[in-house]
Amino acid sequence: MDPQQIFCHNPACPARGKVGRGNIGVHSRKQNRYICHECKRTFTQSKGTVFYRLRYSCEIVTQVVTLLAYGCPLQAIVAAFDIDERTVASWQQRAGEHCQQVHQHLVHHPRDLGQVQADEIRVKYQGGIAWVALAIAVPTRLWIAGMVSSCRDGALIRRLIQ
């Protein structure tokens, strides 16, 4: 248990979401609980994760969600792990919501793109030729934009930049 890697989840705490400030201490090693010395609230290690208040081990939940992500049928997982179908569906819902929150936090915040690389590719298809222009943020390799045109000209790049 490393309290330096944990942050306070209390919305009213002035140290909420800040890692490594020294305000988090171990409250109970046996129950994996922490305490925030700023707001005096305690919380469990799994607070804010998919595993919060689940009665199954993290390993089982991770295996089930991984199988679901790879397209394994829900009925097969129910038969293999002997877990109720509603429980598995609930885990899938929780994992999806958690992934959406992480995506909102990491991707949707406006930020400086840094270096952006733009390039175009000539694509042959049955009956013609098209040009595909792509813009990619170099540090994150995030695909920012893409445009398709029948001719390679300045208008294609201008639309890509917009």
N, C-alpha and C. Protein backbone atom coordinates (compact mmCIF):
# COMPACT_ATOMS: atom_id res chain seq x y z
N MET A 1 0.84 -1.18 0.00
CA MET A 1 0.00 0.00 0.00
C MET A 1 0.88 1.24 0.00
N ASP A 2 0.82 2.00 -1.06
CA ASP A 2 1.60 3.22 -1.18
C ASP A 2 0.66 4.42 -1.22
N PRO A 3 0.55 5.17 -0.13
CA PRO A 3 -0.38 6.30 -0.10
C PRO A 3 0.03 7.45 -1.02
N GLN A 4 1.27 7.45 -1.49
CA GLN A 4 1.71 8.52 -2.39
C GLN A 4 1.09 8.40 -3.78
N GLN A 5 0.57 7.23 -4.13
CA GLN A 5 -0.04 7.00 -5.44
C GLN A 5 -1.55 7.17 -5.42
N ILE A 6 -2.13 7.53 -4.28
CA ILE A 6 -3.57 7.63 -4.09
C ILE A 6 -3.93 9.10 -3.88
N PHE A 7 -5.15 9.48 -4.26
CA PHE A 7 -5.64 10.83 -4.01
C PHE A 7 -7.01 10.77 -3.34
N CYS A 8 -7.42 11.87 -2.73
CA CYS A 8 -8.70 11.95 -2.03
C CYS A 8 -9.83 12.07 -3.06
N HIS A 9 -10.91 11.32 -2.84
CA HIS A 9 -12.06 11.32 -3.74
C HIS A 9 -13.18 12.23 -3.25
N ASN A 10 -13.03 12.84 -2.09
CA ASN A 10 -14.08 13.68 -1.52
C ASN A 10 -14.21 14.97 -2.35
N PRO A 11 -15.40 15.24 -2.92
CA PRO A 11 -15.57 16.45 -3.75
C PRO A 11 -15.35 17.75 -2.97
N ALA A 12 -15.55 17.73 -1.64
CA ALA A 12 -15.39 18.94 -0.84
C ALA A 12 -13.96 19.15 -0.34
N CYS A 13 -13.07 18.21 -0.60
CA CYS A 13 -11.70 18.30 -0.10
C CYS A 13 -10.86 19.22 -0.99
N PRO A 14 -10.07 20.12 -0.39
CA PRO A 14 -9.22 20.98 -1.21
C PRO A 14 -8.09 20.23 -1.91
N ALA A 15 -7.78 19.03 -1.45
CA ALA A 15 -6.70 18.24 -2.06
C ALA A 15 -7.25 17.16 -2.98
N ARG A 16 -8.50 17.28 -3.42
CA ARG A 16 -9.12 16.25 -4.26
C ARG A 16 -8.38 16.12 -5.59
N GLY A 17 -8.06 14.85 -5.94
CA GLY A 17 -7.47 14.56 -7.24
C GLY A 17 -5.99 14.86 -7.35
N LYS A 18 -5.34 15.27 -6.28
CA LYS A 18 -3.92 15.63 -6.33
C LYS A 18 -3.09 14.51 -5.71
N VAL A 19 -2.22 13.95 -6.52
CA VAL A 19 -1.41 12.80 -6.11
C VAL A 19 -0.06 13.29 -5.57
N GLY A 20 0.44 12.63 -4.53
CA GLY A 20 1.79 12.87 -4.04
C GLY A 20 1.95 14.12 -3.20
N ARG A 21 0.90 14.61 -2.57
CA ARG A 21 0.99 15.81 -1.73
C ARG A 21 1.27 15.49 -0.27
N GLY A 22 1.26 14.20 0.10
CA GLY A 22 1.52 13.80 1.47
C GLY A 22 0.32 13.89 2.39
N ASN A 23 -0.86 14.14 1.82
CA ASN A 23 -2.06 14.27 2.65
C ASN A 23 -2.78 12.94 2.87
N ILE A 24 -2.38 11.88 2.20
CA ILE A 24 -3.02 10.58 2.33
C ILE A 24 -2.17 9.67 3.20
N GLY A 25 -2.81 9.03 4.17
CA GLY A 25 -2.13 8.08 5.04
C GLY A 25 -2.90 6.77 5.08
N VAL A 26 -2.26 5.74 5.62
CA VAL A 26 -2.90 4.43 5.74
C VAL A 26 -3.79 4.43 6.98
N HIS A 27 -5.05 4.13 6.80
CA HIS A 27 -6.01 4.07 7.91
C HIS A 27 -6.12 2.64 8.44
N SER A 28 -6.18 1.65 7.54
CA SER A 28 -6.27 0.25 7.94
C SER A 28 -5.63 -0.62 6.86
N ARG A 29 -4.54 -1.27 7.21
CA ARG A 29 -3.87 -2.16 6.25
C ARG A 29 -4.72 -3.39 5.96
N LYS A 30 -5.41 -3.90 6.98
CA LYS A 30 -6.20 -5.10 6.82
C LYS A 30 -7.36 -4.90 5.85
N GLN A 31 -8.01 -3.75 5.90
CA GLN A 31 -9.15 -3.47 5.04
C GLN A 31 -8.79 -2.63 3.81
N ASN A 32 -7.50 -2.35 3.61
CA ASN A 32 -7.02 -1.52 2.50
C ASN A 32 -7.73 -0.17 2.47
N ARG A 33 -7.74 0.52 3.61
CA ARG A 33 -8.38 1.83 3.69
C ARG A 33 -7.34 2.91 3.92
N TYR A 34 -7.62 4.08 3.34
CA TYR A 34 -6.75 5.24 3.47
C TYR A 34 -7.51 6.37 4.16
N ILE A 35 -6.78 7.35 4.66
CA ILE A 35 -7.38 8.53 5.27
C ILE A 35 -6.74 9.78 4.67
N CYS A 36 -7.57 10.77 4.39
CA CYS A 36 -7.07 12.06 3.93
C CYS A 36 -6.89 12.95 5.15
N HIS A 37 -5.69 13.46 5.36
CA HIS A 37 -5.42 14.30 6.53
C HIS A 37 -5.97 15.71 6.35
N GLU A 38 -6.36 16.08 5.14
CA GLU A 38 -6.96 17.40 4.90
C GLU A 38 -8.42 17.43 5.36
N CYS A 39 -9.23 16.47 4.89
CA CYS A 39 -10.67 16.47 5.19
C CYS A 39 -11.06 15.39 6.22
N LYS A 40 -10.11 14.57 6.64
CA LYS A 40 -10.33 13.52 7.65
C LYS A 40 -11.29 12.43 7.21
N ARG A 41 -11.51 12.25 5.91
CA ARG A 41 -12.40 11.20 5.40
C ARG A 41 -11.57 9.97 5.06
N THR A 42 -12.16 8.80 5.27
CA THR A 42 -11.50 7.55 4.91
C THR A 42 -12.16 6.99 3.66
N PHE A 43 -11.39 6.21 2.92
CA PHE A 43 -11.90 5.58 1.71
C PHE A 43 -11.10 4.34 1.42
N THR A 44 -11.68 3.45 0.64
CA THR A 44 -11.04 2.19 0.32
C THR A 44 -10.10 2.35 -0.88
N GLN A 45 -9.22 1.40 -1.04
CA GLN A 45 -8.24 1.42 -2.12
C GLN A 45 -8.92 1.36 -3.49
N SER A 46 -10.05 0.70 -3.58
CA SER A 46 -10.71 0.53 -4.87
C SER A 46 -11.69 1.65 -5.21
N LYS A 47 -11.79 2.67 -4.39
CA LYS A 47 -12.70 3.79 -4.65
C LYS A 47 -12.33 4.45 -5.98
N GLY A 48 -13.35 4.67 -6.80
CA GLY A 48 -13.11 5.31 -8.09
C GLY A 48 -12.69 4.36 -9.20
N THR A 49 -12.77 3.06 -8.94
CA THR A 49 -12.40 2.07 -9.96
C THR A 49 -13.60 1.18 -10.25
N VAL A 50 -13.44 0.30 -11.23
CA VAL A 50 -14.48 -0.67 -11.58
C VAL A 50 -14.71 -1.65 -10.43
N PHE A 51 -13.71 -1.89 -9.62
CA PHE A 51 -13.76 -2.92 -8.58
C PHE A 51 -14.40 -2.45 -7.27
N TYR A 52 -14.83 -1.20 -7.19
CA TYR A 52 -15.38 -0.64 -5.95
C TYR A 52 -16.65 -1.38 -5.54
N ARG A 53 -16.67 -1.89 -4.33
CA ARG A 53 -17.80 -2.59 -3.70
C ARG A 53 -18.23 -3.86 -4.43
N LEU A 54 -17.31 -4.53 -5.08
CA LEU A 54 -17.63 -5.82 -5.69
C LEU A 54 -17.23 -6.93 -4.74
N ARG A 55 -17.97 -8.03 -4.78
CA ARG A 55 -17.69 -9.15 -3.89
C ARG A 55 -16.79 -10.19 -4.52
N TYR A 56 -16.41 -9.97 -5.75
CA TYR A 56 -15.51 -10.90 -6.46
C TYR A 56 -14.11 -10.31 -6.51
N SER A 57 -13.13 -11.17 -6.72
CA SER A 57 -11.75 -10.70 -6.78
C SER A 57 -11.52 -9.88 -8.05
N CYS A 58 -10.54 -9.02 -7.98
CA CYS A 58 -10.19 -8.18 -9.13
C CYS A 58 -9.78 -9.04 -10.32
N GLU A 59 -9.13 -10.16 -10.06
CA GLU A 59 -8.67 -11.03 -11.15
C GLU A 59 -9.85 -11.61 -11.93
N ILE A 60 -10.87 -12.07 -11.22
CA ILE A 60 -12.05 -12.64 -11.89
C ILE A 60 -12.76 -11.57 -12.72
N VAL A 61 -12.97 -10.40 -12.14
CA VAL A 61 -13.64 -9.31 -12.85
C VAL A 61 -12.84 -8.91 -14.09
N THR A 62 -11.53 -8.83 -13.95
CA THR A 62 -10.68 -8.47 -15.09
C THR A 62 -10.76 -9.51 -16.19
N GLN A 63 -10.73 -10.79 -15.82
CA GLN A 63 -10.84 -11.85 -16.83
C GLN A 63 -12.17 -11.79 -17.55
N VAL A 64 -13.26 -11.60 -16.81
CA VAL A 64 -14.59 -11.56 -17.42
C VAL A 64 -14.73 -10.37 -18.36
N VAL A 65 -14.30 -9.19 -17.92
CA VAL A 65 -14.40 -7.99 -18.77
C VAL A 65 -13.51 -8.12 -20.00
N THR A 66 -12.35 -8.73 -19.85
CA THR A 66 -11.47 -8.96 -21.00
C THR A 66 -12.13 -9.89 -22.00
N LEU A 67 -12.73 -10.96 -21.53
CA LEU A 67 -13.43 -11.88 -22.43
C LEU A 67 -14.59 -11.17 -23.14
N LEU A 68 -15.31 -10.33 -22.43
CA LEU A 68 -16.40 -9.57 -23.05
C LEU A 68 -15.86 -8.62 -24.12
N ALA A 69 -14.72 -8.00 -23.83
CA ALA A 69 -14.13 -7.05 -24.79
C ALA A 69 -13.68 -7.75 -26.06
N TYR A 70 -13.30 -9.01 -25.95
CA TYR A 70 -12.89 -9.78 -27.13
C TYR A 70 -14.05 -10.49 -27.81
N GLY A 71 -15.27 -10.23 -27.35
CA GLY A 71 -16.45 -10.75 -28.03
C GLY A 71 -16.95 -12.10 -27.54
N CYS A 72 -16.48 -12.55 -26.42
CA CYS A 72 -16.96 -13.82 -25.88
C CYS A 72 -18.44 -13.66 -25.49
N PRO A 73 -19.28 -14.59 -25.85
CA PRO A 73 -20.71 -14.48 -25.51
C PRO A 73 -20.94 -14.48 -24.00
N LEU A 74 -21.92 -13.72 -23.60
CA LEU A 74 -22.27 -13.60 -22.19
C LEU A 74 -22.64 -14.95 -21.59
N GLN A 75 -23.38 -15.77 -22.34
CA GLN A 75 -23.80 -17.07 -21.84
C GLN A 75 -22.60 -18.00 -21.60
N ALA A 76 -21.58 -17.89 -22.44
CA ALA A 76 -20.38 -18.72 -22.26
C ALA A 76 -19.65 -18.34 -20.98
N ILE A 77 -19.58 -17.05 -20.70
CA ILE A 77 -18.91 -16.59 -19.47
C ILE A 77 -19.71 -17.04 -18.25
N VAL A 78 -21.03 -16.94 -18.33
CA VAL A 78 -21.88 -17.39 -17.22
C VAL A 78 -21.66 -18.88 -16.95
N ALA A 79 -21.58 -19.68 -18.01
CA ALA A 79 -21.37 -21.12 -17.85
C ALA A 79 -19.97 -21.44 -17.33
N ALA A 80 -18.96 -20.73 -17.82
CA ALA A 80 -17.57 -21.03 -17.44
C ALA A 80 -17.26 -20.60 -16.00
N PHE A 81 -17.74 -19.44 -15.59
CA PHE A 81 -17.38 -18.91 -14.28
C PHE A 81 -18.46 -19.13 -13.22
N ASP A 82 -19.63 -19.64 -13.62
CA ASP A 82 -20.75 -19.88 -12.71
C ASP A 82 -21.13 -18.59 -11.96
N ILE A 83 -21.28 -17.53 -12.74
CA ILE A 83 -21.67 -16.22 -12.22
C ILE A 83 -23.00 -15.85 -12.87
N ASP A 84 -23.87 -15.21 -12.11
CA ASP A 84 -25.18 -14.81 -12.63
C ASP A 84 -25.02 -13.86 -13.83
N GLU A 85 -25.93 -14.01 -14.79
CA GLU A 85 -25.88 -13.22 -16.02
C GLU A 85 -26.03 -11.72 -15.72
N ARG A 86 -26.86 -11.37 -14.76
CA ARG A 86 -27.04 -9.96 -14.40
C ARG A 86 -25.77 -9.36 -13.80
N THR A 87 -25.04 -10.18 -13.06
CA THR A 87 -23.78 -9.71 -12.48
C THR A 87 -22.77 -9.40 -13.57
N VAL A 88 -22.65 -10.30 -14.54
CA VAL A 88 -21.70 -10.10 -15.64
C VAL A 88 -22.11 -8.86 -16.45
N ALA A 89 -23.39 -8.70 -16.71
CA ALA A 89 -23.87 -7.53 -17.45
C ALA A 89 -23.59 -6.24 -16.66
N SER A 90 -23.73 -6.31 -15.35
CA SER A 90 -23.43 -5.15 -14.50
C SER A 90 -21.95 -4.78 -14.58
N TRP A 91 -21.06 -5.79 -14.55
CA TRP A 91 -19.63 -5.54 -14.66
C TRP A 91 -19.30 -4.90 -16.00
N GLN A 92 -19.95 -5.38 -17.05
CA GLN A 92 -19.72 -4.82 -18.37
C GLN A 92 -20.15 -3.34 -18.40
N GLN A 93 -21.28 -3.05 -17.81
CA GLN A 93 -21.78 -1.67 -17.75
C GLN A 93 -20.82 -0.78 -16.96
N ARG A 94 -20.38 -1.27 -15.81
CA ARG A 94 -19.46 -0.50 -14.96
C ARG A 94 -18.14 -0.25 -15.66
N ALA A 95 -17.62 -1.27 -16.34
CA ALA A 95 -16.34 -1.11 -17.04
C ALA A 95 -16.48 -0.10 -18.18
N GLY A 96 -17.60 -0.15 -18.89
CA GLY A 96 -17.82 0.81 -19.97
C GLY A 96 -17.92 2.24 -19.45
N GLU A 97 -18.64 2.44 -18.35
CA GLU A 97 -18.76 3.77 -17.76
C GLU A 97 -17.41 4.28 -17.27
N HIS A 98 -16.62 3.39 -16.66
CA HIS A 98 -15.31 3.78 -16.17
C HIS A 98 -14.39 4.17 -17.33
N CYS A 99 -14.42 3.38 -18.40
CA CYS A 99 -13.60 3.70 -19.58
C CYS A 99 -14.02 5.03 -20.18
N GLN A 100 -15.31 5.31 -20.18
CA GLN A 100 -15.80 6.57 -20.71
C GLN A 100 -15.31 7.74 -19.85
N GLN A 101 -15.29 7.58 -18.53
CA GLN A 101 -14.79 8.63 -17.65
C GLN A 101 -13.30 8.87 -17.88
N VAL A 102 -12.53 7.79 -18.02
CA VAL A 102 -11.10 7.93 -18.29
C VAL A 102 -10.88 8.63 -19.63
N HIS A 103 -11.65 8.25 -20.63
CA HIS A 103 -11.55 8.87 -21.95
C HIS A 103 -11.87 10.36 -21.87
N GLN A 104 -12.93 10.71 -21.16
CA GLN A 104 -13.29 12.12 -21.00
C GLN A 104 -12.15 12.89 -20.33
N HIS A 105 -11.53 12.28 -19.31
CA HIS A 105 -10.47 12.95 -18.57
C HIS A 105 -9.19 13.11 -19.40
N LEU A 106 -8.82 12.08 -20.14
CA LEU A 106 -7.55 12.10 -20.85
C LEU A 106 -7.61 12.68 -22.25
N VAL A 107 -8.72 12.49 -22.96
CA VAL A 107 -8.78 12.86 -24.37
C VAL A 107 -9.57 14.13 -24.62
N HIS A 108 -10.67 14.32 -23.92
CA HIS A 108 -11.57 15.41 -24.25
C HIS A 108 -11.15 16.78 -23.72
N HIS A 109 -10.14 16.84 -22.88
CA HIS A 109 -9.69 18.13 -22.39
C HIS A 109 -8.92 18.85 -23.48
N PRO A 110 -9.25 20.13 -23.73
CA PRO A 110 -8.46 20.86 -24.72
C PRO A 110 -7.02 20.99 -24.25
N ARG A 111 -6.12 20.77 -25.16
CA ARG A 111 -4.71 20.86 -24.81
C ARG A 111 -3.92 21.26 -26.05
N ASP A 112 -2.72 21.70 -25.82
CA ASP A 112 -1.84 22.06 -26.93
C ASP A 112 -1.44 20.78 -27.65
N LEU A 113 -1.64 20.75 -28.94
CA LEU A 113 -1.35 19.54 -29.70
C LEU A 113 0.14 19.30 -29.88
N GLY A 114 0.94 20.34 -29.73
CA GLY A 114 2.37 20.18 -29.99
C GLY A 114 2.61 20.06 -31.48
N GLN A 115 3.43 19.15 -31.88
CA GLN A 115 3.73 18.96 -33.29
C GLN A 115 2.65 18.11 -33.95
N VAL A 116 2.14 18.59 -35.09
CA VAL A 116 1.13 17.87 -35.85
C VAL A 116 1.70 17.54 -37.22
N GLN A 117 1.54 16.31 -37.64
CA GLN A 117 2.02 15.86 -38.94
C GLN A 117 0.83 15.62 -39.85
N ALA A 118 0.89 16.21 -41.04
CA ALA A 118 -0.17 16.03 -42.03
C ALA A 118 0.43 15.38 -43.27
N ASP A 119 -0.32 14.49 -43.85
CA ASP A 119 0.16 13.79 -45.04
C ASP A 119 -1.05 13.35 -45.85
N GLU A 120 -0.82 13.08 -47.12
CA GLU A 120 -1.89 12.57 -47.96
C GLU A 120 -1.46 11.27 -48.62
N ILE A 121 -2.44 10.46 -48.93
CA ILE A 121 -2.21 9.15 -49.52
C ILE A 121 -3.08 9.02 -50.76
N ARG A 122 -2.49 8.47 -51.81
CA ARG A 122 -3.24 8.21 -53.04
C ARG A 122 -3.86 6.82 -52.92
N VAL A 123 -5.18 6.75 -53.12
CA VAL A 123 -5.90 5.50 -52.96
C VAL A 123 -6.56 5.15 -54.28
N LYS A 124 -6.28 3.94 -54.75
CA LYS A 124 -6.94 3.47 -55.97
C LYS A 124 -8.12 2.61 -55.58
N TYR A 125 -9.24 2.86 -56.23
CA TYR A 125 -10.42 2.03 -56.03
C TYR A 125 -11.00 1.73 -57.40
N GLN A 126 -11.93 0.82 -57.44
CA GLN A 126 -12.50 0.41 -58.72
C GLN A 126 -13.23 1.59 -59.35
N GLY A 127 -12.71 2.06 -60.46
CA GLY A 127 -13.33 3.16 -61.18
C GLY A 127 -12.70 4.51 -60.93
N GLY A 128 -11.63 4.61 -60.14
CA GLY A 128 -11.04 5.92 -59.95
C GLY A 128 -9.93 5.98 -58.93
N ILE A 129 -9.55 7.22 -58.62
CA ILE A 129 -8.48 7.51 -57.68
C ILE A 129 -9.00 8.55 -56.69
N ALA A 130 -8.65 8.41 -55.43
CA ALA A 130 -9.01 9.39 -54.39
C ALA A 130 -7.77 9.73 -53.59
N TRP A 131 -7.81 10.89 -52.95
CA TRP A 131 -6.73 11.32 -52.07
C TRP A 131 -7.28 11.42 -50.65
N VAL A 132 -6.57 10.81 -49.71
CA VAL A 132 -6.94 10.84 -48.31
C VAL A 132 -5.87 11.63 -47.56
N ALA A 133 -6.28 12.73 -46.93
CA ALA A 133 -5.36 13.55 -46.14
C ALA A 133 -5.61 13.27 -44.66
N LEU A 134 -4.53 13.10 -43.90
CA LEU A 134 -4.61 12.77 -42.48
C LEU A 134 -3.78 13.76 -41.68
N ALA A 135 -4.24 14.10 -40.47
CA ALA A 135 -3.49 14.91 -39.53
C ALA A 135 -3.37 14.13 -38.23
N ILE A 136 -2.14 13.97 -37.76
CA ILE A 136 -1.86 13.17 -36.57
C ILE A 136 -1.00 13.98 -35.61
N ALA A 137 -1.37 14.00 -34.32
CA ALA A 137 -0.55 14.63 -33.28
C ALA A 137 0.65 13.73 -33.02
N VAL A 138 1.84 14.25 -33.19
CA VAL A 138 3.05 13.43 -33.11
C VAL A 138 3.29 12.89 -31.69
N PRO A 139 3.20 13.71 -30.61
CA PRO A 139 3.52 13.16 -29.28
C PRO A 139 2.59 12.02 -28.84
N THR A 140 1.29 12.12 -29.15
CA THR A 140 0.33 11.13 -28.68
C THR A 140 -0.09 10.13 -29.74
N ARG A 141 0.27 10.40 -30.99
CA ARG A 141 -0.15 9.60 -32.15
C ARG A 141 -1.67 9.52 -32.27
N LEU A 142 -2.33 10.58 -31.81
CA LEU A 142 -3.77 10.68 -31.88
C LEU A 142 -4.17 11.18 -33.25
N TRP A 143 -5.07 10.48 -33.89
CA TRP A 143 -5.56 10.86 -35.21
C TRP A 143 -6.53 12.01 -35.02
N ILE A 144 -6.16 13.19 -35.51
CA ILE A 144 -6.95 14.40 -35.28
C ILE A 144 -8.04 14.57 -36.33
N ALA A 145 -7.68 14.41 -37.59
CA ALA A 145 -8.64 14.67 -38.66
C ALA A 145 -8.27 13.88 -39.90
N GLY A 146 -9.25 13.74 -40.79
CA GLY A 146 -9.04 13.09 -42.07
C GLY A 146 -10.02 13.62 -43.09
N MET A 147 -9.58 13.80 -44.31
CA MET A 147 -10.43 14.30 -45.40
C MET A 147 -10.18 13.45 -46.64
N VAL A 148 -11.21 13.34 -47.47
CA VAL A 148 -11.10 12.60 -48.73
C VAL A 148 -11.49 13.54 -49.86
N SER A 149 -10.73 13.48 -50.95
CA SER A 149 -11.01 14.32 -52.11
C SER A 149 -10.65 13.57 -53.37
N SER A 150 -11.26 13.99 -54.48
CA SER A 150 -10.94 13.35 -55.76
C SER A 150 -9.69 13.94 -56.38
N CYS A 151 -9.26 15.12 -55.92
CA CYS A 151 -8.03 15.71 -56.47
C CYS A 151 -7.14 16.20 -55.34
N ARG A 152 -5.85 16.16 -55.60
CA ARG A 152 -4.86 16.59 -54.62
C ARG A 152 -4.56 18.06 -54.89
N ASP A 153 -5.05 18.93 -54.00
CA ASP A 153 -4.84 20.35 -54.18
C ASP A 153 -4.84 21.06 -52.83
N GLY A 154 -4.70 22.37 -52.84
CA GLY A 154 -4.66 23.16 -51.62
C GLY A 154 -5.97 23.14 -50.86
N ALA A 155 -7.08 22.98 -51.58
CA ALA A 155 -8.39 22.93 -50.93
C ALA A 155 -8.49 21.74 -49.98
N LEU A 156 -7.90 20.63 -50.37
CA LEU A 156 -7.92 19.42 -49.52
C LEU A 156 -7.21 19.69 -48.20
N ILE A 157 -6.04 20.31 -48.28
CA ILE A 157 -5.26 20.59 -47.07
C ILE A 157 -5.96 21.67 -46.23
N ARG A 158 -6.54 22.68 -46.85
CA ARG A 158 -7.25 23.71 -46.09
C ARG A 158 -8.42 23.12 -45.31
N ARG A 159 -9.18 22.23 -45.94
CA ARG A 159 -10.28 21.58 -45.24
C ARG A 159 -9.77 20.71 -44.10
N LEU A 160 -8.64 20.09 -44.30
CA LEU A 160 -8.04 19.27 -43.24
C LEU A 160 -7.65 20.15 -42.06
N ILE A 161 -7.06 21.29 -42.31
CA ILE A 161 -6.62 22.18 -41.24
C ILE A 161 -7.80 22.74 -40.48
N GLN A 162 -8.88 23.05 -41.20
CA GLN A 162 -10.08 23.58 -40.53
C GLN A 162 -10.66 22.53 -39.62
